[in-house]
Amino acid sequence: MTFTVADNKGSKITDLEPNLGSAGHVVIVSGKMEEFLHAHHKDDPFNINIPDK
């Protein structure tokens, strides 16, 4: 996945800072709200590996 962060005028925001020790966080929730995944940027020292099902 690739994300672009922009302000309300569509200008890219490039001066982001780490939050809670991570360069980025993403939360993915299944449509039925039964499964949850919290992941970090691939170069993050706290990065998780998502197992194949």
C-alpha atoms as a PDB file:
ATOM      1  CA  MET A   1       0.000   0.000   0.000  1.00  0.00           C
ATOM      2  CA  THR A   2       1.086   3.521  -0.671  1.00  0.00           C
ATOM      3  CA  PHE A   3      -0.407   6.530   1.052  1.00  0.00           C
ATOM      4  CA  THR A   4      -0.190  10.213   0.214  1.00  0.00           C
ATOM      5  CA  VAL A   5      -1.039  12.633   2.998  1.00  0.00           C
ATOM      6  CA  ALA A   6      -2.481  15.950   1.874  1.00  0.00           C
ATOM      7  CA  ASP A   7      -4.072  18.999   3.448  1.00  0.00           C
ATOM      8  CA  ASN A   8      -7.613  20.164   2.693  1.00  0.00           C
ATOM      9  CA  LYS A   9      -6.345  22.033  -0.403  1.00  0.00           C
ATOM     10  CA  GLY A  10      -4.704  18.905  -1.846  1.00  0.00           C
ATOM     11  CA  SER A  11      -1.103  19.944  -1.115  1.00  0.00           C
ATOM     12  CA  LYS A  12       1.146  17.068  -0.043  1.00  0.00           C
ATOM     13  CA  ILE A  13       2.268  17.116   3.578  1.00  0.00           C
ATOM     14  CA  THR A  14       5.934  16.130   3.802  1.00  0.00           C
ATOM     15  CA  ASP A  15       7.013  17.235   7.292  1.00  0.00           C
ATOM     16  CA  LEU A  16       5.504  14.339   9.240  1.00  0.00           C
ATOM     17  CA  GLU A  17       7.171  13.200  12.465  1.00  0.00           C
ATOM     18  CA  PRO A  18       7.256   9.763  14.132  1.00  0.00           C
ATOM     19  CA  ASN A  19       4.296   8.980  16.374  1.00  0.00           C
ATOM     20  CA  LEU A  20       4.608   6.574  19.293  1.00  0.00           C
ATOM     21  CA  GLY A  21       8.069   5.569  18.026  1.00  0.00           C
ATOM     22  CA  SER A  22       6.944   4.653  14.513  1.00  0.00           C
ATOM     23  CA  ALA A  23       7.260   6.324  11.124  1.00  0.00           C
ATOM     24  CA  GLY A  24       3.740   5.277  10.212  1.00  0.00           C
ATOM     25  CA  HIS A  25       0.753   3.308  11.404  1.00  0.00           C
ATOM     26  CA  VAL A  26      -2.071   1.711   9.477  1.00  0.00           C
ATOM     27  CA  VAL A  27      -5.118  -0.032  10.869  1.00  0.00           C
ATOM     28  CA  ILE A  28      -7.150  -2.380   8.675  1.00  0.00           C
ATOM     29  CA  VAL A  29     -10.470  -3.766   9.876  1.00  0.00           C
ATOM     30  CA  SER A  30     -12.527  -6.410   8.076  1.00  0.00           C
ATOM     31  CA  GLY A  31     -15.959  -5.495   6.706  1.00  0.00           C
ATOM     32  CA  LYS A  32     -17.712  -7.386   9.494  1.00  0.00           C
ATOM     33  CA  MET A  33     -15.398  -5.863  12.126  1.00  0.00           C
ATOM     34  CA  GLU A  34     -14.228  -9.360  13.086  1.00  0.00           C
ATOM     35  CA  GLU A  35     -10.555  -9.072  12.109  1.00  0.00           C
ATOM     36  CA  PHE A  36      -8.089  -6.311  12.915  1.00  0.00           C
ATOM     37  CA  LEU A  37      -4.537  -5.558  11.753  1.00  0.00           C
ATOM     38  CA  HIS A  38      -2.236  -2.827  13.043  1.00  0.00           C
ATOM     39  CA  ALA A  39       0.964  -2.477  10.988  1.00  0.00           C
ATOM     40  CA  HIS A  40       3.934  -0.129  10.644  1.00  0.00           C
ATOM     41  CA  HIS A  41       6.082   1.176   7.817  1.00  0.00           C
ATOM     42  CA  LYS A  42       8.318  -1.521   6.271  1.00  0.00           C
ATOM     43  CA  ASP A  43      11.541   0.123   7.554  1.00  0.00           C
ATOM     44  CA  ASP A  44      10.149   0.556  11.055  1.00  0.00           C
ATOM     45  CA  PRO A  45      12.034  -1.346  13.769  1.00  0.00           C
ATOM     46  CA  PHE A  46       8.661  -2.413  15.177  1.00  0.00           C
ATOM     47  CA  ASN A  47       7.457  -3.724  11.799  1.00  0.00           C
ATOM     48  CA  ILE A  48       5.324  -6.871  11.917  1.00  0.00           C
ATOM     49  CA  ASN A  49       5.225  -9.694   9.415  1.00  0.00           C
ATOM     50  CA  ILE A  50       1.754 -10.578   8.183  1.00  0.00           C
ATOM     51  CA  PRO A  51       1.482 -14.369   7.995  1.00  0.00           C
ATOM     52  CA  ASP A  52       0.014 -16.057   4.905  1.00  0.00           C
ATOM     53  CA  LYS A  53      -3.311 -17.762   5.561  1.00  0.00           C
END
